C-alpha atoms as a PDB file:
ATOM      1  CA  MET A   1    -155.870 -20.166 -30.590  1.00  0.00           C
ATOM      2  CA  ASN A   2    -157.493 -21.104 -27.308  1.00  0.00           C
ATOM      3  CA  HIS A   3    -156.023 -20.114 -23.946  1.00  0.00           C
ATOM      4  CA  GLN A   4    -154.578 -23.572 -23.270  1.00  0.00           C
ATOM      5  CA  GLU A   5    -152.701 -23.617 -26.553  1.00  0.00           C
ATOM      6  CA  GLU A   6    -151.436 -20.105 -25.902  1.00  0.00           C
ATOM      7  CA  SER A   7    -150.074 -20.999 -22.473  1.00  0.00           C
ATOM      8  CA  MET A   8    -148.426 -24.110 -23.933  1.00  0.00           C
ATOM      9  CA  SER A   9    -146.214 -22.017 -26.177  1.00  0.00           C
ATOM     10  CA  GLU A  10    -144.795 -19.411 -23.807  1.00  0.00           C
ATOM     11  CA  ASN A  11    -141.161 -20.415 -24.427  1.00  0.00           C
ATOM     12  CA  THR A  12    -141.195 -21.375 -28.100  1.00  0.00           C
ATOM     13  CA  VAL A  13    -141.317 -19.058 -31.081  1.00  0.00           C
ATOM     14  CA  ALA A  14    -143.880 -19.500 -33.863  1.00  0.00           C
ATOM     15  CA  VAL A  15    -142.144 -19.136 -37.222  1.00  0.00           C
ATOM     16  CA  SER A  16    -143.779 -18.770 -40.640  1.00  0.00           C
ATOM     17  CA  ASP A  17    -142.655 -18.941 -44.254  1.00  0.00           C
ATOM     18  CA  SER A  18    -142.211 -15.148 -44.191  1.00  0.00           C
ATOM     19  CA  THR A  19    -140.267 -14.996 -40.891  1.00  0.00           C
ATOM     20  CA  PHE A  20    -138.149 -18.163 -41.217  1.00  0.00           C
ATOM     21  CA  THR A  21    -135.128 -16.385 -42.679  1.00  0.00           C
ATOM     22  CA  SER A  22    -135.008 -13.696 -39.992  1.00  0.00           C
ATOM     23  CA  ASP A  23    -136.047 -15.911 -37.067  1.00  0.00           C
ATOM     24  CA  VAL A  24    -133.942 -18.966 -37.867  1.00  0.00           C
ATOM     25  CA  ILE A  25    -131.308 -18.400 -40.574  1.00  0.00           C
ATOM     26  CA  GLU A  26    -130.192 -14.905 -39.558  1.00  0.00           C
ATOM     27  CA  ALA A  27    -130.774 -15.435 -35.808  1.00  0.00           C
ATOM     28  CA  SER A  28    -128.066 -18.068 -35.743  1.00  0.00           C
ATOM     29  CA  GLY A  29    -125.310 -15.636 -34.715  1.00  0.00           C
ATOM     30  CA  SER A  30    -126.581 -15.733 -31.163  1.00  0.00           C
ATOM     31  CA  LYS A  31    -127.484 -19.379 -30.409  1.00  0.00           C
ATOM     32  CA  PRO A  32    -128.630 -22.556 -32.144  1.00  0.00           C
ATOM     33  CA  VAL A  33    -132.284 -22.780 -33.221  1.00  0.00           C
ATOM     34  CA  LEU A  34    -134.216 -26.067 -32.967  1.00  0.00           C
ATOM     35  CA  VAL A  35    -137.104 -25.958 -35.446  1.00  0.00           C
ATOM     36  CA  ASP A  36    -140.050 -28.215 -34.756  1.00  0.00           C
ATOM     37  CA  PHE A  37    -142.015 -28.985 -37.949  1.00  0.00           C
ATOM     38  CA  TRP A  38    -145.535 -29.949 -36.813  1.00  0.00           C
ATOM     39  CA  ALA A  39    -149.276 -29.779 -37.652  1.00  0.00           C
ATOM     40  CA  THR A  40    -152.427 -29.414 -35.558  1.00  0.00           C
ATOM     41  CA  TRP A  41    -153.780 -32.831 -36.626  1.00  0.00           C
ATOM     42  CA  CYS A  42    -150.566 -34.662 -35.740  1.00  0.00           C
ATOM     43  CA  GLY A  43    -150.923 -36.695 -32.514  1.00  0.00           C
ATOM     44  CA  PRO A  44    -147.196 -37.424 -32.044  1.00  0.00           C
ATOM     45  CA  CYS A  45    -146.523 -33.682 -32.542  1.00  0.00           C
ATOM     46  CA  LYS A  46    -148.789 -32.925 -29.596  1.00  0.00           C
ATOM     47  CA  MET A  47    -146.842 -35.417 -27.501  1.00  0.00           C
ATOM     48  CA  VAL A  48    -143.543 -33.697 -28.282  1.00  0.00           C
ATOM     49  CA  ALA A  49    -144.817 -30.111 -27.762  1.00  0.00           C
ATOM     50  CA  PRO A  50    -144.675 -30.048 -23.917  1.00  0.00           C
ATOM     51  CA  VAL A  51    -141.195 -31.590 -24.032  1.00  0.00           C
ATOM     52  CA  LEU A  52    -140.018 -28.819 -26.365  1.00  0.00           C
ATOM     53  CA  GLU A  53    -141.638 -26.198 -24.158  1.00  0.00           C
ATOM     54  CA  GLU A  54    -139.660 -27.535 -21.173  1.00  0.00           C
ATOM     55  CA  LEU A  55    -136.479 -27.686 -23.201  1.00  0.00           C
ATOM     56  CA  ALA A  56    -136.970 -24.088 -24.348  1.00  0.00           C
ATOM     57  CA  ARG A  57    -137.732 -22.908 -20.816  1.00  0.00           C
ATOM     58  CA  ASP A  58    -134.863 -24.763 -19.152  1.00  0.00           C
ATOM     59  CA  ASN A  59    -132.264 -23.874 -21.791  1.00  0.00           C
ATOM     60  CA  ALA A  60    -133.336 -20.396 -22.914  1.00  0.00           C
ATOM     61  CA  ASP A  61    -129.762 -19.122 -22.680  1.00  0.00           C
ATOM     62  CA  LYS A  62    -128.405 -21.946 -24.932  1.00  0.00           C
ATOM     63  CA  ILE A  63    -131.012 -22.628 -27.577  1.00  0.00           C
ATOM     64  CA  THR A  64    -134.115 -21.171 -29.237  1.00  0.00           C
ATOM     65  CA  VAL A  65    -136.976 -23.527 -30.024  1.00  0.00           C
ATOM     66  CA  ALA A  66    -139.034 -22.479 -33.023  1.00  0.00           C
ATOM     67  CA  LYS A  67    -142.227 -24.132 -34.305  1.00  0.00           C
ATOM     68  CA  VAL A  68    -143.342 -24.262 -37.926  1.00  0.00           C
ATOM     69  CA  ASP A  69    -146.899 -25.431 -38.695  1.00  0.00           C
ATOM     70  CA  VAL A  70    -146.332 -27.276 -41.992  1.00  0.00           C
ATOM     71  CA  ASP A  71    -149.967 -26.770 -43.097  1.00  0.00           C
ATOM     72  CA  GLN A  72    -149.739 -23.001 -42.666  1.00  0.00           C
ATOM     73  CA  ASN A  73    -146.152 -22.760 -43.970  1.00  0.00           C
ATOM     74  CA  PRO A  74    -145.633 -25.231 -46.826  1.00  0.00           C
ATOM     75  CA  VAL A  75    -142.720 -23.315 -48.417  1.00  0.00           C
ATOM     76  CA  VAL A  76    -140.283 -23.873 -45.507  1.00  0.00           C
ATOM     77  CA  ALA A  77    -141.398 -27.481 -45.121  1.00  0.00           C
ATOM     78  CA  ARG A  78    -140.778 -28.076 -48.832  1.00  0.00           C
ATOM     79  CA  ASP A  79    -137.459 -26.229 -48.848  1.00  0.00           C
ATOM     80  CA  TYR A  80    -136.130 -28.491 -46.085  1.00  0.00           C
ATOM     81  CA  GLN A  81    -137.776 -31.622 -47.547  1.00  0.00           C
ATOM     82  CA  ILE A  82    -139.891 -32.398 -44.475  1.00  0.00           C
ATOM     83  CA  MET A  83    -141.584 -35.649 -45.414  1.00  0.00           C
ATOM     84  CA  SER A  84    -142.965 -36.733 -42.032  1.00  0.00           C
ATOM     85  CA  ILE A  85    -143.811 -34.937 -38.824  1.00  0.00           C
ATOM     86  CA  PRO A  86    -142.809 -34.346 -36.156  1.00  0.00           C
ATOM     87  CA  THR A  87    -139.360 -33.545 -37.481  1.00  0.00           C
ATOM     88  CA  MET A  88    -137.027 -31.318 -35.538  1.00  0.00           C
ATOM     89  CA  MET A  89    -134.099 -29.681 -37.291  1.00  0.00           C
ATOM     90  CA  LEU A  90    -131.213 -27.979 -35.493  1.00  0.00           C
ATOM     91  CA  PHE A  91    -129.765 -24.919 -37.169  1.00  0.00           C
ATOM     92  CA  GLN A  92    -126.350 -23.518 -36.305  1.00  0.00           C
ATOM     93  CA  ASP A  93    -124.857 -20.505 -38.104  1.00  0.00           C
ATOM     94  CA  GLY A  94    -127.848 -20.527 -40.447  1.00  0.00           C
ATOM     95  CA  LYS A  95    -127.426 -24.096 -41.624  1.00  0.00           C
ATOM     96  CA  PRO A  96    -129.236 -27.332 -40.657  1.00  0.00           C
ATOM     97  CA  VAL A  97    -126.745 -29.488 -38.765  1.00  0.00           C
ATOM     98  CA  LYS A  98    -128.961 -32.222 -37.252  1.00  0.00           C
ATOM     99  CA  THR A  99    -132.402 -33.740 -37.888  1.00  0.00           C
ATOM    100  CA  ILE A 100    -134.412 -35.563 -35.269  1.00  0.00           C
ATOM    101  CA  MET A 101    -137.353 -37.456 -36.755  1.00  0.00           C
ATOM    102  CA  GLY A 102    -140.416 -38.741 -34.925  1.00  0.00           C
ATOM    103  CA  ALA A 103    -141.803 -38.289 -31.411  1.00  0.00           C
ATOM    104  CA  LYS A 104    -138.997 -39.069 -29.027  1.00  0.00           C
ATOM    105  CA  PRO A 105    -138.969 -38.978 -25.233  1.00  0.00           C
ATOM    106  CA  LYS A 106    -137.305 -36.018 -23.515  1.00  0.00           C
ATOM    107  CA  ALA A 107    -134.194 -38.007 -22.599  1.00  0.00           C
ATOM    108  CA  ALA A 108    -133.609 -38.960 -26.259  1.00  0.00           C
ATOM    109  CA  ILE A 109    -134.044 -35.374 -27.457  1.00  0.00           C
ATOM    110  CA  LEU A 110    -131.674 -34.139 -24.750  1.00  0.00           C
ATOM    111  CA  ARG A 111    -129.094 -36.751 -25.871  1.00  0.00           C
ATOM    112  CA  GLU A 112    -129.412 -35.570 -29.492  1.00  0.00           C
ATOM    113  CA  LEU A 113    -128.847 -31.969 -28.378  1.00  0.00           C
ATOM    114  CA  ALA A 114    -126.171 -32.678 -25.732  1.00  0.00           C
ATOM    115  CA  ASP A 115    -123.425 -30.899 -27.691  1.00  0.00           C
ATOM    116  CA  VAL A 116    -125.375 -27.586 -27.865  1.00  0.00           C
ATOM    117  CA  LEU A 117    -126.869 -27.803 -24.358  1.00  0.00           C
ATOM    118  CA  ALA A 118    -123.558 -28.595 -22.604  1.00  0.00           C
END
């Protein structure tokens, strides 16, 4: 990971196949977790990344933003039937409650998450 990539992910949590249960499913008692399913080769994913960083930074008390690289972690992507990326899935109380597909502008993502960010 180069320095620029590292600084781009200060506020989000990288999650893997092995940590998904503890970081997302079992972490739900505290606050909702928005999981971003992405890949390094995905242009639209790179467009959404800074938006999610801002969202994580500005709403750290209300939501956790986790990132799953689907190439590195195929089990989680398969388990949640991720067919296209970027796909963001909101988990509350350990269950997926909302799916946001495709690269959307910040305003659209905020609208989708209005109920948890209120």
